[in-house]
Amino acid sequence: MKELVEVIAKELVDNPGEVVVTEKEEGKNVTIELHVAASDMGKVIGKQGRIAKTIRTLVKAASSKDDKRVDVEII
């Protein structure tokens, strides 16, 4: 899941070198934290959070076969 978020984020931002994705696993819960440059924050979130919601939906769909709950946090 970490790689999926990283690929999507790097394609959206102007500074792909500043994209950092970390993954924390606690049992069946996985938290993926996405760090981007301050100037790219709007591009990752999108108008009314549409892009962020889409990223979360894609990750949730990809993780459904692993029987884990994945949360994506944009920091």
PDB file of N, CA and C in Angstrom:
ATOM      1  N   MET A   1       0.811  -1.187   0.000  1.00  0.00           N
ATOM      2  CA  MET A   1       0.000   0.000   0.000  1.00  0.00           C
ATOM      3  C   MET A   1       0.861   1.261   0.000  1.00  0.00           C
ATOM      4  N   LYS A   2       1.978   1.199   0.706  1.00  0.00           N
ATOM      5  CA  LYS A   2       2.875   2.341   0.792  1.00  0.00           C
ATOM      6  C   LYS A   2       3.345   2.763  -0.600  1.00  0.00           C
ATOM      7  N   GLU A   3       3.688   1.793  -1.422  1.00  0.00           N
ATOM      8  CA  GLU A   3       4.188   2.082  -2.764  1.00  0.00           C
ATOM      9  C   GLU A   3       3.103   2.720  -3.628  1.00  0.00           C
ATOM     10  N   LEU A   4       1.867   2.247  -3.477  1.00  0.00           N
ATOM     11  CA  LEU A   4       0.746   2.792  -4.236  1.00  0.00           C
ATOM     12  C   LEU A   4       0.550   4.267  -3.928  1.00  0.00           C
ATOM     13  N   VAL A   5       0.539   4.620  -2.660  1.00  0.00           N
ATOM     14  CA  VAL A   5       0.362   6.017  -2.254  1.00  0.00           C
ATOM     15  C   VAL A   5       1.520   6.865  -2.748  1.00  0.00           C
ATOM     16  N   GLU A   6       2.728   6.324  -2.675  1.00  0.00           N
ATOM     17  CA  GLU A   6       3.916   7.067  -3.097  1.00  0.00           C
ATOM     18  C   GLU A   6       3.879   7.368  -4.597  1.00  0.00           C
ATOM     19  N   VAL A   7       3.510   6.398  -5.402  1.00  0.00           N
ATOM     20  CA  VAL A   7       3.444   6.590  -6.857  1.00  0.00           C
ATOM     21  C   VAL A   7       2.385   7.629  -7.214  1.00  0.00           C
ATOM     22  N   ILE A   8       1.224   7.529  -6.597  1.00  0.00           N
ATOM     23  CA  ILE A   8       0.145   8.484  -6.876  1.00  0.00           C
ATOM     24  C   ILE A   8       0.567   9.901  -6.488  1.00  0.00           C
ATOM     25  N   ALA A   9       1.137  10.047  -5.305  1.00  0.00           N
ATOM     26  CA  ALA A   9       1.516  11.370  -4.806  1.00  0.00           C
ATOM     27  C   ALA A   9       2.612  11.999  -5.663  1.00  0.00           C
ATOM     28  N   LYS A  10       3.590  11.217  -6.069  1.00  0.00           N
ATOM     29  CA  LYS A  10       4.694  11.766  -6.874  1.00  0.00           C
ATOM     30  C   LYS A  10       4.211  12.257  -8.229  1.00  0.00           C
ATOM     31  N   GLU A  11       3.163  11.660  -8.763  1.00  0.00           N
ATOM     32  CA  GLU A  11       2.621  12.104 -10.048  1.00  0.00           C
ATOM     33  C   GLU A  11       1.807  13.389  -9.902  1.00  0.00           C
ATOM     34  N   LEU A  12       1.301  13.670  -8.722  1.00  0.00           N
ATOM     35  CA  LEU A  12       0.456  14.841  -8.514  1.00  0.00           C
ATOM     36  C   LEU A  12       1.226  16.115  -8.194  1.00  0.00           C
ATOM     37  N   VAL A  13       2.374  15.998  -7.547  1.00  0.00           N
ATOM     38  CA  VAL A  13       3.068  17.165  -6.999  1.00  0.00           C
ATOM     39  C   VAL A  13       4.126  17.723  -7.946  1.00  0.00           C
ATOM     40  N   ASP A  14       4.559  18.961  -7.657  1.00  0.00           N
ATOM     41  CA  ASP A  14       5.634  19.595  -8.415  1.00  0.00           C
ATOM     42  C   ASP A  14       7.008  19.203  -7.881  1.00  0.00           C
ATOM     43  N   ASN A  15       7.084  18.820  -6.606  1.00  0.00           N
ATOM     44  CA  ASN A  15       8.354  18.446  -5.970  1.00  0.00           C
ATOM     45  C   ASN A  15       8.312  16.982  -5.537  1.00  0.00           C
ATOM     46  N   PRO A  16       8.454  16.046  -6.480  1.00  0.00           N
ATOM     47  CA  PRO A  16       8.343  14.627  -6.100  1.00  0.00           C
ATOM     48  C   PRO A  16       9.453  14.153  -5.162  1.00  0.00           C
ATOM     49  N   GLY A  17      10.548  14.874  -5.109  1.00  0.00           N
ATOM     50  CA  GLY A  17      11.637  14.503  -4.208  1.00  0.00           C
ATOM     51  C   GLY A  17      11.301  14.706  -2.747  1.00  0.00           C
ATOM     52  N   GLU A  18      10.313  15.528  -2.466  1.00  0.00           N
ATOM     53  CA  GLU A  18       9.929  15.821  -1.081  1.00  0.00           C
ATOM     54  C   GLU A  18       8.768  14.959  -0.589  1.00  0.00           C
ATOM     55  N   VAL A  19       8.348  13.999  -1.389  1.00  0.00           N
ATOM     56  CA  VAL A  19       7.266  13.100  -0.984  1.00  0.00           C
ATOM     57  C   VAL A  19       7.848  12.005  -0.093  1.00  0.00           C
ATOM     58  N   VAL A  20       7.309  11.880   1.105  1.00  0.00           N
ATOM     59  CA  VAL A  20       7.745  10.850   2.046  1.00  0.00           C
ATOM     60  C   VAL A  20       6.507  10.100   2.527  1.00  0.00           C
ATOM     61  N   VAL A  21       6.546   8.780   2.399  1.00  0.00           N
ATOM     62  CA  VAL A  21       5.424   7.951   2.824  1.00  0.00           C
ATOM     63  C   VAL A  21       5.923   6.985   3.892  1.00  0.00           C
ATOM     64  N   THR A  22       5.263   6.971   5.041  1.00  0.00           N
ATOM     65  CA  THR A  22       5.612   6.033   6.105  1.00  0.00           C
ATOM     66  C   THR A  22       4.395   5.164   6.408  1.00  0.00           C
ATOM     67  N   GLU A  23       4.680   3.960   6.881  1.00  0.00           N
ATOM     68  CA  GLU A  23       3.610   3.003   7.156  1.00  0.00           C
ATOM     69  C   GLU A  23       3.772   2.471   8.577  1.00  0.00           C
ATOM     70  N   LYS A  24       2.697   2.521   9.352  1.00  0.00           N
ATOM     71  CA  LYS A  24       2.702   1.996  10.718  1.00  0.00           C
ATOM     72  C   LYS A  24       1.643   0.911  10.804  1.00  0.00           C
ATOM     73  N   GLU A  25       2.034  -0.249  11.275  1.00  0.00           N
ATOM     74  CA  GLU A  25       1.101  -1.370  11.362  1.00  0.00           C
ATOM     75  C   GLU A  25       0.887  -1.761  12.815  1.00  0.00           C
ATOM     76  N   GLU A  26      -0.386  -1.828  13.209  1.00  0.00           N
ATOM     77  CA  GLU A  26      -0.758  -2.235  14.559  1.00  0.00           C
ATOM     78  C   GLU A  26      -1.856  -3.281  14.436  1.00  0.00           C
ATOM     79  N   GLY A  27      -1.494  -4.526  14.426  1.00  0.00           N
ATOM     80  CA  GLY A  27      -2.476  -5.594  14.267  1.00  0.00           C
ATOM     81  C   GLY A  27      -3.073  -5.564  12.871  1.00  0.00           C
ATOM     82  N   LYS A  28      -4.400  -5.431  12.806  1.00  0.00           N
ATOM     83  CA  LYS A  28      -5.071  -5.357  11.503  1.00  0.00           C
ATOM     84  C   LYS A  28      -5.236  -3.921  11.017  1.00  0.00           C
ATOM     85  N   ASN A  29      -4.782  -2.959  11.806  1.00  0.00           N
ATOM     86  CA  ASN A  29      -4.871  -1.550  11.420  1.00  0.00           C
ATOM     87  C   ASN A  29      -3.535  -1.075  10.867  1.00  0.00           C
ATOM     88  N   VAL A  30      -3.577  -0.445   9.702  1.00  0.00           N
ATOM     89  CA  VAL A  30      -2.386   0.107   9.073  1.00  0.00           C
ATOM     90  C   VAL A  30      -2.638   1.589   8.829  1.00  0.00           C
ATOM     91  N   THR A  31      -1.674   2.425   9.237  1.00  0.00           N
ATOM     92  CA  THR A  31      -1.771   3.857   9.001  1.00  0.00           C
ATOM     93  C   THR A  31      -0.658   4.259   8.050  1.00  0.00           C
ATOM     94  N   ILE A  32      -1.038   4.874   6.953  1.00  0.00           N
ATOM     95  CA  ILE A  32      -0.070   5.369   5.980  1.00  0.00           C
ATOM     96  C   ILE A  32      -0.063   6.886   6.080  1.00  0.00           C
ATOM     97  N   GLU A  33       1.126   7.450   6.354  1.00  0.00           N
ATOM     98  CA  GLU A  33       1.266   8.898   6.479  1.00  0.00           C
ATOM     99  C   GLU A  33       1.959   9.433   5.235  1.00  0.00           C
ATOM    100  N   LEU A  34       1.358  10.420   4.614  1.00  0.00           N
ATOM    101  CA  LEU A  34       1.888  11.039   3.408  1.00  0.00           C
ATOM    102  C   LEU A  34       2.359  12.445   3.737  1.00  0.00           C
ATOM    103  N   HIS A  35       3.641  12.692   3.568  1.00  0.00           N
ATOM    104  CA  HIS A  35       4.230  14.009   3.807  1.00  0.00           C
ATOM    105  C   HIS A  35       4.618  14.602   2.456  1.00  0.00           C
ATOM    106  N   VAL A  36       4.144  15.820   2.175  1.00  0.00           N
ATOM    107  CA  VAL A  36       4.509  16.519   0.948  1.00  0.00           C
ATOM    108  C   VAL A  36       4.948  17.936   1.299  1.00  0.00           C
ATOM    109  N   ALA A  37       5.560  18.622   0.334  1.00  0.00           N
ATOM    110  CA  ALA A  37       5.966  20.017   0.546  1.00  0.00           C
ATOM    111  C   ALA A  37       4.719  20.871   0.769  1.00  0.00           C
ATOM    112  N   ALA A  38       4.874  21.935   1.522  1.00  0.00           N
ATOM    113  CA  ALA A  38       3.741  22.811   1.832  1.00  0.00           C
ATOM    114  C   ALA A  38       3.108  23.385   0.567  1.00  0.00           C
ATOM    115  N   SER A  39       3.921  23.658  -0.442  1.00  0.00           N
ATOM    116  CA  SER A  39       3.389  24.224  -1.682  1.00  0.00           C
ATOM    117  C   SER A  39       2.583  23.204  -2.490  1.00  0.00           C
ATOM    118  N   ASP A  40       2.776  21.918  -2.218  1.00  0.00           N
ATOM    119  CA  ASP A  40       2.072  20.862  -2.942  1.00  0.00           C
ATOM    120  C   ASP A  40       0.862  20.321  -2.192  1.00  0.00           C
ATOM    121  N   MET A  41       0.604  20.818  -1.010  1.00  0.00           N
ATOM    122  CA  MET A  41      -0.482  20.290  -0.187  1.00  0.00           C
ATOM    123  C   MET A  41      -1.834  20.394  -0.897  1.00  0.00           C
ATOM    124  N   GLY A  42      -2.089  21.504  -1.549  1.00  0.00           N
ATOM    125  CA  GLY A  42      -3.354  21.693  -2.243  1.00  0.00           C
ATOM    126  C   GLY A  42      -3.550  20.734  -3.397  1.00  0.00           C
ATOM    127  N   LYS A  43      -2.457  20.361  -4.043  1.00  0.00           N
ATOM    128  CA  LYS A  43      -2.550  19.430  -5.168  1.00  0.00           C
ATOM    129  C   LYS A  43      -2.885  18.023  -4.710  1.00  0.00           C
ATOM    130  N   VAL A  44      -2.451  17.656  -3.529  1.00  0.00           N
ATOM    131  CA  VAL A  44      -2.727  16.320  -3.007  1.00  0.00           C
ATOM    132  C   VAL A  44      -4.128  16.248  -2.406  1.00  0.00           C
ATOM    133  N   ILE A  45      -4.575  17.337  -1.811  1.00  0.00           N
ATOM    134  CA  ILE A  45      -5.909  17.350  -1.203  1.00  0.00           C
ATOM    135  C   ILE A  45      -6.988  17.605  -2.253  1.00  0.00           C
ATOM    136  N   GLY A  46      -6.773  18.551  -3.145  1.00  0.00           N
ATOM    137  CA  GLY A  46      -7.739  18.849  -4.192  1.00  0.00           C
ATOM    138  C   GLY A  46      -8.890  19.700  -3.687  1.00  0.00           C
ATOM    139  N   LYS A  47      -9.711  20.151  -4.623  1.00  0.00           N
ATOM    140  CA  LYS A  47     -10.863  20.972  -4.253  1.00  0.00           C
ATOM    141  C   LYS A  47     -11.855  20.136  -3.459  1.00  0.00           C
ATOM    142  N   GLN A  48     -12.230  20.663  -2.310  1.00  0.00           N
ATOM    143  CA  GLN A  48     -13.159  20.007  -1.390  1.00  0.00           C
ATOM    144  C   GLN A  48     -12.698  18.605  -1.000  1.00  0.00           C
ATOM    145  N   GLY A  49     -11.381  18.349  -1.053  1.00  0.00           N
ATOM    146  CA  GLY A  49     -10.836  17.076  -0.617  1.00  0.00           C
ATOM    147  C   GLY A  49     -11.079  15.920  -1.573  1.00  0.00           C
ATOM    148  N   ARG A  50     -11.402  16.213  -2.816  1.00  0.00           N
ATOM    149  CA  ARG A  50     -11.751  15.145  -3.761  1.00  0.00           C
ATOM    150  C   ARG A  50     -10.583  14.220  -4.064  1.00  0.00           C
ATOM    151  N   ILE A  51      -9.383  14.780  -4.269  1.00  0.00           N
ATOM    152  CA  ILE A  51      -8.233  13.932  -4.599  1.00  0.00           C
ATOM    153  C   ILE A  51      -7.844  13.085  -3.397  1.00  0.00           C
ATOM    154  N   ALA A  52      -7.845  13.677  -2.200  1.00  0.00           N
ATOM    155  CA  ALA A  52      -7.524  12.922  -0.985  1.00  0.00           C
ATOM    156  C   ALA A  52      -8.515  11.783  -0.784  1.00  0.00           C
ATOM    157  N   LYS A  53      -9.785  12.056  -1.025  1.00  0.00           N
ATOM    158  CA  LYS A  53     -10.809  11.026  -0.876  1.00  0.00           C
ATOM    159  C   LYS A  53     -10.596   9.903  -1.891  1.00  0.00           C
ATOM    160  N   THR A  54     -10.211  10.261  -3.103  1.00  0.00           N
ATOM    161  CA  THR A  54      -9.953   9.259  -4.142  1.00  0.00           C
ATOM    162  C   THR A  54      -8.757   8.386  -3.783  1.00  0.00           C
ATOM    163  N   ILE A  55      -7.701   8.999  -3.257  1.00  0.00           N
ATOM    164  CA  ILE A  55      -6.527   8.227  -2.833  1.00  0.00           C
ATOM    165  C   ILE A  55      -6.933   7.236  -1.746  1.00  0.00           C
ATOM    166  N   ARG A  56      -7.714   7.692  -0.777  1.00  0.00           N
ATOM    167  CA  ARG A  56      -8.163   6.812   0.310  1.00  0.00           C
ATOM    168  C   ARG A  56      -9.027   5.673  -0.223  1.00  0.00           C
ATOM    169  N   THR A  57      -9.880   5.966  -1.200  1.00  0.00           N
ATOM    170  CA  THR A  57     -10.743   4.941  -1.791  1.00  0.00           C
ATOM    171  C   THR A  57      -9.921   3.892  -2.520  1.00  0.00           C
ATOM    172  N   LEU A  58      -8.922   4.326  -3.284  1.00  0.00           N
ATOM    173  CA  LEU A  58      -8.064   3.383  -4.015  1.00  0.00           C
ATOM    174  C   LEU A  58      -7.293   2.475  -3.057  1.00  0.00           C
ATOM    175  N   VAL A  59      -6.769   3.057  -2.001  1.00  0.00           N
ATOM    176  CA  VAL A  59      -6.009   2.270  -1.025  1.00  0.00           C
ATOM    177  C   VAL A  59      -6.926   1.292  -0.297  1.00  0.00           C
ATOM    178  N   LYS A  60      -8.126   1.730   0.042  1.00  0.00           N
ATOM    179  CA  LYS A  60      -9.076   0.851   0.718  1.00  0.00           C
ATOM    180  C   LYS A  60      -9.457  -0.326  -0.179  1.00  0.00           C
ATOM    181  N   ALA A  61      -9.654  -0.057  -1.467  1.00  0.00           N
ATOM    182  CA  ALA A  61     -10.003  -1.127  -2.403  1.00  0.00           C
ATOM    183  C   ALA A  61      -8.844  -2.102  -2.570  1.00  0.00           C
ATOM    184  N   ALA A  62      -7.628  -1.591  -2.635  1.00  0.00           N
ATOM    185  CA  ALA A  62      -6.464  -2.454  -2.800  1.00  0.00           C
ATOM    186  C   ALA A  62      -6.187  -3.286  -1.549  1.00  0.00           C
ATOM    187  N   SER A  63      -6.556  -2.765  -0.378  1.00  0.00           N
ATOM    188  CA  SER A  63      -6.264  -3.475   0.869  1.00  0.00           C
ATOM    189  C   SER A  63      -7.370  -4.438   1.270  1.00  0.00           C
ATOM    190  N   SER A  64      -8.491  -4.426   0.586  1.00  0.00           N
ATOM    191  CA  SER A  64      -9.621  -5.275   0.984  1.00  0.00           C
ATOM    192  C   SER A  64      -9.294  -6.761   0.903  1.00  0.00           C
ATOM    193  N   LYS A  65      -8.425  -7.156  -0.004  1.00  0.00           N
ATOM    194  CA  LYS A  65      -8.075  -8.567  -0.120  1.00  0.00           C
ATOM    195  C   LYS A  65      -7.142  -9.028   1.001  1.00  0.00           C
ATOM    196  N   ASP A  66      -6.455  -8.085   1.664  1.00  0.00           N
ATOM    197  CA  ASP A  66      -5.533  -8.428   2.749  1.00  0.00           C
ATOM    198  C   ASP A  66      -6.214  -8.495   4.105  1.00  0.00           C
ATOM    199  N   ASP A  67      -7.506  -8.198   4.171  1.00  0.00           N
ATOM    200  CA  ASP A  67      -8.269  -8.217   5.409  1.00  0.00           C
ATOM    201  C   ASP A  67      -7.651  -7.291   6.463  1.00  0.00           C
ATOM    202  N   LYS A  68      -7.247  -6.075   6.021  1.00  0.00           N
ATOM    203  CA  LYS A  68      -6.692  -5.083   6.929  1.00  0.00           C
ATOM    204  C   LYS A  68      -7.415  -3.768   6.721  1.00  0.00           C
ATOM    205  N   ARG A  69      -7.452  -2.964   7.779  1.00  0.00           N
ATOM    206  CA  ARG A  69      -8.050  -1.641   7.712  1.00  0.00           C
ATOM    207  C   ARG A  69      -6.917  -0.631   7.520  1.00  0.00           C
ATOM    208  N   VAL A  70      -6.962   0.099   6.408  1.00  0.00           N
ATOM    209  CA  VAL A  70      -5.888   1.039   6.072  1.00  0.00           C
ATOM    210  C   VAL A  70      -6.433   2.459   6.099  1.00  0.00           C
ATOM    211  N   ASP A  71      -5.737   3.328   6.843  1.00  0.00           N
ATOM    212  CA  ASP A  71      -6.070   4.749   6.898  1.00  0.00           C
ATOM    213  C   ASP A  71      -4.929   5.533   6.251  1.00  0.00           C
ATOM    214  N   VAL A  72      -5.272   6.539   5.452  1.00  0.00           N
ATOM    215  CA  VAL A  72      -4.270   7.401   4.838  1.00  0.00           C
ATOM    216  C   VAL A  72      -4.398   8.776   5.471  1.00  0.00           C
ATOM    217  N   GLU A  73      -3.286   9.260   6.030  1.00  0.00           N
ATOM    218  CA  GLU A  73      -3.252  10.588   6.636  1.00  0.00           C
ATOM    219  C   GLU A  73      -2.307  11.461   5.845  1.00  0.00           C
ATOM    220  N   ILE A  74      -2.779  12.633   5.456  1.00  0.00           N
ATOM    221  CA  ILE A  74      -1.953  13.581   4.723  1.00  0.00           C
ATOM    222  C   ILE A  74      -1.449  14.623   5.715  1.00  0.00           C
ATOM    223  N   ILE A  75      -0.134  14.691   5.848  1.00  0.00           N
ATOM    224  CA  ILE A  75       0.464  15.566   6.860  1.00  0.00           C
ATOM    225  C   ILE A  75       1.306  16.632   6.167  1.00  0.00           C
TER     226      ILE A  75
END
